[in-house]
Amino acid sequence: MAVKIELLTPEEKAAELKVSTETLKRWRRLGKGPVFKRISRQCIRYLPEMIEEDAA
């Protein structure tokens, strides 16, 4: 059975990390910060923190 994971918007991820969305944008440009998936040119999603910890 497949596990469904809810991906987070940049706003939700920023709130989870207690940083601004601009900080997330800067981290993406620099290749730093949390793992993200670009769904389309303007649609970016992040994994929830607990999933990232399991992957590390």
N, C-alpha and C. Protein backbone atom coordinates (compact mmCIF):
# COMPACT_ATOMS: atom_id res chain seq x y z
N MET A 1 0.84 -1.18 0.00
CA MET A 1 0.00 0.00 0.00
C MET A 1 0.88 1.25 0.00
N ALA A 2 0.60 2.17 -0.88
CA ALA A 2 1.39 3.39 -1.00
C ALA A 2 1.02 4.37 0.12
N VAL A 3 2.02 5.09 0.56
CA VAL A 3 1.82 6.11 1.59
C VAL A 3 1.67 7.45 0.90
N LYS A 4 0.63 8.17 1.21
CA LYS A 4 0.39 9.49 0.63
C LYS A 4 1.03 10.55 1.51
N ILE A 5 1.89 11.34 0.93
CA ILE A 5 2.59 12.40 1.66
C ILE A 5 2.08 13.75 1.17
N GLU A 6 1.63 14.57 2.09
CA GLU A 6 1.18 15.91 1.76
C GLU A 6 2.40 16.83 1.65
N LEU A 7 2.61 17.39 0.47
CA LEU A 7 3.72 18.31 0.27
C LEU A 7 3.32 19.70 0.75
N LEU A 8 4.31 20.46 1.19
CA LEU A 8 4.06 21.79 1.74
C LEU A 8 4.34 22.88 0.72
N THR A 9 3.56 23.94 0.79
CA THR A 9 3.82 25.13 -0.03
C THR A 9 5.02 25.87 0.58
N PRO A 10 5.62 26.79 -0.17
CA PRO A 10 6.70 27.58 0.42
C PRO A 10 6.26 28.34 1.68
N GLU A 11 5.04 28.83 1.68
CA GLU A 11 4.54 29.54 2.87
C GLU A 11 4.44 28.62 4.07
N GLU A 12 3.96 27.41 3.86
CA GLU A 12 3.85 26.45 4.96
C GLU A 12 5.22 26.01 5.46
N LYS A 13 6.15 25.78 4.53
CA LYS A 13 7.51 25.37 4.92
C LYS A 13 8.22 26.50 5.67
N ALA A 14 8.03 27.72 5.21
CA ALA A 14 8.64 28.87 5.90
C ALA A 14 8.12 28.98 7.33
N ALA A 15 6.83 28.77 7.52
CA ALA A 15 6.25 28.82 8.87
C ALA A 15 6.81 27.69 9.72
N GLU A 16 6.95 26.49 9.13
CA GLU A 16 7.49 25.34 9.87
C GLU A 16 8.92 25.62 10.34
N LEU A 17 9.72 26.27 9.48
CA LEU A 17 11.12 26.55 9.81
C LEU A 17 11.33 27.89 10.52
N LYS A 18 10.25 28.67 10.61
CA LYS A 18 10.31 30.00 11.24
C LYS A 18 11.29 30.91 10.50
N VAL A 19 11.18 30.91 9.16
CA VAL A 19 11.94 31.81 8.30
C VAL A 19 10.96 32.43 7.30
N SER A 20 11.43 33.41 6.55
CA SER A 20 10.56 34.03 5.55
C SER A 20 10.58 33.24 4.24
N THR A 21 9.58 33.48 3.41
CA THR A 21 9.56 32.84 2.10
C THR A 21 10.73 33.34 1.25
N GLU A 22 11.16 34.57 1.48
CA GLU A 22 12.32 35.10 0.75
C GLU A 22 13.60 34.34 1.13
N THR A 23 13.70 33.93 2.38
CA THR A 23 14.85 33.12 2.81
C THR A 23 14.84 31.79 2.08
N LEU A 24 13.68 31.15 1.98
CA LEU A 24 13.58 29.89 1.24
C LEU A 24 13.99 30.08 -0.22
N LYS A 25 13.54 31.17 -0.81
CA LYS A 25 13.88 31.46 -2.21
C LYS A 25 15.40 31.62 -2.37
N ARG A 26 16.02 32.33 -1.43
CA ARG A 26 17.47 32.53 -1.47
C ARG A 26 18.19 31.19 -1.32
N TRP A 27 17.75 30.37 -0.40
CA TRP A 27 18.36 29.04 -0.19
C TRP A 27 18.25 28.19 -1.45
N ARG A 28 17.10 28.25 -2.13
CA ARG A 28 16.94 27.47 -3.37
C ARG A 28 17.96 27.92 -4.41
N ARG A 29 18.13 29.23 -4.57
CA ARG A 29 19.11 29.75 -5.55
C ARG A 29 20.53 29.34 -5.20
N LEU A 30 20.83 29.27 -3.90
CA LEU A 30 22.18 28.93 -3.45
C LEU A 30 22.42 27.42 -3.33
N GLY A 31 21.36 26.63 -3.54
CA GLY A 31 21.49 25.18 -3.41
C GLY A 31 21.56 24.71 -1.98
N LYS A 32 21.00 25.51 -1.06
CA LYS A 32 21.00 25.18 0.37
C LYS A 32 19.57 24.98 0.84
N GLY A 33 19.43 24.69 2.13
CA GLY A 33 18.10 24.60 2.72
C GLY A 33 17.42 23.27 2.49
N PRO A 34 16.12 23.23 2.76
CA PRO A 34 15.38 21.97 2.69
C PRO A 34 15.21 21.50 1.24
N VAL A 35 15.02 20.19 1.11
CA VAL A 35 14.79 19.59 -0.20
C VAL A 35 13.45 20.09 -0.75
N PHE A 36 13.44 20.44 -2.04
CA PHE A 36 12.20 20.89 -2.65
C PHE A 36 12.01 20.22 -4.00
N LYS A 37 10.80 20.25 -4.48
CA LYS A 37 10.45 19.69 -5.78
C LYS A 37 9.77 20.77 -6.59
N ARG A 38 10.31 21.04 -7.78
CA ARG A 38 9.68 22.02 -8.67
C ARG A 38 8.65 21.27 -9.52
N ILE A 39 7.38 21.53 -9.25
CA ILE A 39 6.29 20.87 -9.96
C ILE A 39 6.11 21.49 -11.35
N SER A 40 6.20 22.80 -11.42
CA SER A 40 6.16 23.55 -12.67
C SER A 40 7.02 24.79 -12.47
N ARG A 41 7.05 25.65 -13.46
CA ARG A 41 7.90 26.84 -13.35
C ARG A 41 7.58 27.69 -12.12
N GLN A 42 6.31 27.76 -11.76
CA GLN A 42 5.90 28.61 -10.64
C GLN A 42 5.38 27.83 -9.44
N CYS A 43 5.50 26.52 -9.45
CA CYS A 43 4.95 25.69 -8.37
C CYS A 43 6.07 24.88 -7.72
N ILE A 44 6.38 25.22 -6.47
CA ILE A 44 7.42 24.54 -5.70
C ILE A 44 6.79 23.95 -4.45
N ARG A 45 7.20 22.73 -4.11
CA ARG A 45 6.68 22.06 -2.92
C ARG A 45 7.82 21.47 -2.12
N TYR A 46 7.60 21.35 -0.82
CA TYR A 46 8.58 20.82 0.11
C TYR A 46 8.05 19.62 0.85
N LEU A 47 8.96 18.76 1.31
CA LEU A 47 8.58 17.64 2.17
C LEU A 47 8.38 18.16 3.59
N PRO A 48 7.47 17.56 4.34
CA PRO A 48 7.35 17.91 5.76
C PRO A 48 8.63 17.58 6.50
N GLU A 49 8.91 18.27 7.58
CA GLU A 49 10.16 18.11 8.33
C GLU A 49 10.39 16.68 8.79
N MET A 50 9.35 15.99 9.27
CA MET A 50 9.55 14.63 9.78
C MET A 50 9.98 13.68 8.67
N ILE A 51 9.56 13.91 7.45
CA ILE A 51 9.96 13.07 6.31
C ILE A 51 11.43 13.33 5.98
N GLU A 52 11.83 14.59 6.01
CA GLU A 52 13.23 14.95 5.73
C GLU A 52 14.16 14.28 6.73
N GLU A 53 13.77 14.26 8.00
CA GLU A 53 14.62 13.65 9.03
C GLU A 53 14.78 12.16 8.78
N ASP A 54 13.72 11.49 8.35
CA ASP A 54 13.80 10.06 8.06
C ASP A 54 14.71 9.77 6.87
N ALA A 55 14.75 10.69 5.91
CA ALA A 55 15.57 10.51 4.71
C ALA A 55 17.06 10.73 4.99
N ALA A 56 17.37 11.49 6.01
CA ALA A 56 18.78 11.83 6.30
C ALA A 56 19.54 10.68 6.92
